[in-house]
Protein backbone atom coordinates (compact mmCIF):
# COMPACT_ATOMS: atom_id res chain seq x y z
CA MET A 1 6.40 -11.86 -19.11
CA LYS A 2 7.70 -7.70 -19.57
CA ASN A 3 10.73 -6.41 -19.67
CA LEU A 4 10.83 -2.83 -18.06
CA THR A 5 13.47 1.02 -17.97
CA ILE A 6 12.89 2.89 -15.93
CA ARG A 7 14.77 6.02 -15.31
CA ASN A 8 15.71 9.25 -13.39
CA VAL A 9 14.76 6.77 -10.20
CA PRO A 10 15.90 9.39 -7.30
CA ASP A 11 19.25 8.56 -4.99
CA ASP A 12 16.99 8.45 -1.82
CA LEU A 13 14.90 5.73 -3.88
CA ALA A 14 18.22 3.81 -5.28
CA ASP A 15 19.63 3.59 -2.09
CA ALA A 16 16.59 2.51 0.23
CA LEU A 17 16.30 -0.29 -3.10
CA GLU A 18 19.84 -1.08 -3.08
CA ARG A 19 19.39 -1.68 1.37
CA GLU A 20 16.23 -3.90 0.76
CA LYS A 21 17.85 -5.48 -2.12
CA SER A 22 20.91 -6.69 0.65
CA ARG A 23 17.90 -7.02 3.31
CA ARG A 24 16.41 -9.90 0.85
CA ARG A 25 19.73 -11.56 -0.27
CA GLY A 26 18.65 -11.23 -3.65
CA SER A 27 18.96 -9.49 -7.13
CA VAL A 28 17.70 -6.50 -7.70
CA ASN A 29 15.75 -7.30 -10.17
CA GLN A 30 14.12 -10.00 -7.87
CA THR A 31 13.69 -7.36 -5.11
CA VAL A 32 11.81 -4.65 -7.13
CA ILE A 33 9.23 -7.69 -8.67
CA GLU A 34 8.90 -8.01 -4.95
CA VAL A 35 8.39 -4.88 -3.69
CA LEU A 36 6.21 -3.87 -6.79
CA SER A 37 4.28 -7.44 -6.27
CA GLN A 38 3.32 -6.39 -2.08
CA GLY A 39 2.89 -2.95 -3.09
CA LEU A 40 0.13 -3.98 -6.02
CA GLY A 41 -1.23 -6.46 -3.88
CA VAL A 42 -0.24 -8.90 -7.13
CA GLY A 43 1.31 -12.25 -6.96
CA THR A 44 3.22 -14.03 -4.57
CA ARG A 45 4.09 -12.85 -1.24
CA ARG A 46 6.58 -13.50 0.65
CA SER A 47 5.62 -16.28 3.65
CA ASN A 48 5.77 -14.85 7.47
CA GLY A 49 6.61 -18.46 8.39
CA ILE A 50 3.23 -19.54 9.33
CA ALA A 51 1.29 -19.19 6.02
CA ARG A 52 2.16 -23.07 5.59
CA PHE A 53 -0.20 -23.56 8.28
CA ALA A 54 -3.40 -21.87 7.26
CA GLY A 55 -5.73 -23.91 5.98
CA THR A 56 -4.53 -27.87 6.62
CA TRP A 57 -7.64 -28.43 9.27
CA THR A 58 -10.59 -30.45 7.95
CA ALA A 59 -13.84 -29.30 9.31
CA GLU A 60 -13.20 -32.12 11.58
CA GLU A 61 -10.29 -31.22 13.10
CA HIS A 62 -11.63 -28.06 13.67
CA ARG A 63 -14.70 -28.63 15.06
CA ARG A 64 -12.75 -31.29 17.51
CA PHE A 65 -10.23 -27.98 18.65
CA GLU A 66 -13.09 -25.47 19.25
CA GLU A 67 -14.76 -28.34 21.73
CA ASN A 68 -11.77 -28.84 23.55
CA THR A 69 -10.67 -25.96 23.79
CA ALA A 70 -14.04 -24.26 25.03
CA SER A 71 -13.35 -24.64 28.57
CA PHE A 72 -10.72 -22.37 28.06
CA GLU A 73 -13.59 -19.21 27.66
CA ASP A 74 -14.82 -20.48 31.66
CA ILE A 75 -14.06 -18.53 34.19
CA ASP A 76 -13.12 -19.40 37.82
CA ASP A 77 -15.31 -18.20 40.46
CA GLU A 78 -13.35 -19.27 43.04
CA LEU A 79 -10.00 -17.46 41.01
CA TRP A 80 -11.87 -14.45 40.83
CA ARG A 81 -12.53 -13.47 44.99
């Protein structure tokens, strides 16, 4: 891993970074790494809480789900009169 030194950080940027650090409840170093990673689209991303569910169904489970919820797409003509 590399070490970086950043000089002449504008006050408004330093203030925003400090607020973000507090919001994330981490260190300035970790916050900078996370913000840079997110901004540049590299490394790990913060989870929105549902990411752990992505990709957990098998193809068969997905097929059964689609089959069992297909009727949700049907329109009941009696309700629309």
